[in-house]
Amino acid sequence: MQTPDSQKIISRFFQALYHLKEEKKIRGKQTFTRKFEINRWNMNTLEKDMSRDIFQPAWLTYLVTEYHVSAEWLLTGQGSIMSREYKTKEGAK
């Protein structure tokens, strides 16, 4: 059983996935699950019931390292969803 604080992190994980989809960085959850060999059934189950103990912390790492989602935002909800470094690079283009 996930704690309420863990469930908030999981919720932000899914928010980040949908943000990446809106920004056309990924096509959807299936793109993410295939790339990182994640069981899509588990991810869909978790999205419906965030209290389940199937979340893997490595999933957060993938968002941070591959897609430049802010680790601070994922863990605390503070700041912007995308890392400052990424925004700086995007602004320079």
Protein backbone atom coordinates (compact mmCIF):
# COMPACT_ATOMS: atom_id res chain seq x y z
CA MET A 1 0.00 0.00 0.00
CA GLN A 2 1.42 3.36 -1.05
CA THR A 3 1.41 6.22 1.48
CA PRO A 4 -0.52 9.39 0.64
CA ASP A 5 2.77 11.20 -0.10
CA SER A 6 3.86 8.38 -2.44
CA GLN A 7 0.53 8.58 -4.21
CA LYS A 8 1.11 12.30 -4.83
CA ILE A 9 4.44 11.47 -6.51
CA ILE A 10 2.74 8.81 -8.62
CA SER A 11 0.07 11.32 -9.61
CA ARG A 12 2.77 13.78 -10.73
CA PHE A 13 4.43 10.96 -12.68
CA PHE A 14 1.23 10.54 -14.71
CA GLN A 15 0.82 14.33 -15.03
CA ALA A 16 4.33 14.46 -16.50
CA LEU A 17 3.51 11.71 -19.00
CA TYR A 18 0.44 13.60 -20.18
CA HIS A 19 2.43 16.84 -20.35
CA LEU A 20 5.03 15.11 -22.55
CA LYS A 21 2.22 13.86 -24.77
CA GLU A 22 0.74 17.37 -25.07
CA GLU A 23 4.16 18.70 -25.99
CA LYS A 24 4.53 15.89 -28.55
CA LYS A 25 7.66 14.51 -26.86
CA ILE A 26 5.97 11.10 -26.69
CA ARG A 27 2.92 9.72 -28.47
CA GLY A 28 1.46 8.33 -25.25
CA LYS A 29 1.94 5.90 -22.40
CA GLN A 30 2.61 3.04 -24.79
CA THR A 31 5.62 4.87 -26.24
CA PHE A 32 7.03 5.27 -22.74
CA THR A 33 6.34 1.69 -21.65
CA ARG A 34 7.86 0.19 -24.79
CA LYS A 35 10.99 2.31 -24.64
CA PHE A 36 11.71 1.35 -21.03
CA GLU A 37 10.27 -2.19 -21.09
CA ILE A 38 7.56 -1.43 -18.52
CA ASN A 39 4.52 -3.64 -18.24
CA ARG A 40 1.75 -1.41 -19.62
CA TRP A 41 -0.93 -3.38 -17.78
CA ASN A 42 0.80 -2.54 -14.47
CA MET A 43 1.02 1.13 -15.39
CA ASN A 44 -2.66 1.30 -16.35
CA THR A 45 -3.62 -0.52 -13.14
CA LEU A 46 -1.54 1.91 -11.09
CA GLU A 47 -3.12 4.92 -12.74
CA LYS A 48 -6.56 3.66 -11.70
CA ASP A 49 -5.44 2.73 -8.17
CA MET A 50 -2.37 4.64 -6.99
CA SER A 51 -2.33 2.79 -3.68
CA ARG A 52 -1.03 -0.37 -5.42
CA ASP A 53 2.58 -1.36 -4.74
CA ILE A 54 3.65 -1.67 -8.36
CA PHE A 55 5.31 1.72 -8.90
CA GLN A 56 9.02 1.57 -9.71
CA PRO A 57 11.20 4.56 -8.72
CA ALA A 58 13.25 4.02 -11.90
CA TRP A 59 10.25 5.32 -13.85
CA LEU A 60 10.94 8.75 -12.36
CA THR A 61 14.57 8.49 -13.44
CA TYR A 62 13.50 7.91 -17.04
CA LEU A 63 11.42 11.09 -16.99
CA VAL A 64 14.30 13.11 -15.54
CA THR A 65 17.14 11.79 -17.68
CA GLU A 66 15.41 11.20 -21.00
CA TYR A 67 12.74 13.90 -21.05
CA HIS A 68 14.14 16.60 -18.71
CA VAL A 69 11.22 16.57 -16.29
CA SER A 70 12.17 18.36 -13.08
CA ALA A 71 13.15 15.93 -10.32
CA GLU A 72 12.23 18.57 -7.75
CA TRP A 73 8.74 18.91 -9.21
CA LEU A 74 8.24 15.14 -9.39
CA LEU A 75 9.22 14.64 -5.76
CA THR A 76 7.84 17.75 -4.11
CA GLY A 77 5.41 19.40 -6.51
CA GLN A 78 7.48 22.61 -6.20
CA GLY A 79 8.60 24.60 -9.21
CA SER A 80 8.07 23.92 -12.88
CA ILE A 81 7.32 20.55 -14.45
CA MET A 82 10.33 20.84 -16.78
CA SER A 83 13.89 21.32 -15.58
CA ARG A 84 15.45 24.79 -15.78
CA GLU A 85 18.32 23.47 -17.89
CA TYR A 86 15.89 22.12 -20.47
CA LYS A 87 13.92 25.36 -20.60
CA THR A 88 17.16 27.31 -21.11
CA LYS A 89 18.14 25.04 -24.03
CA GLU A 90 14.66 25.27 -25.56
CA GLY A 91 14.66 29.06 -25.24
CA ALA A 92 18.01 29.29 -27.03
CA LYS A 93 16.72 27.55 -30.16
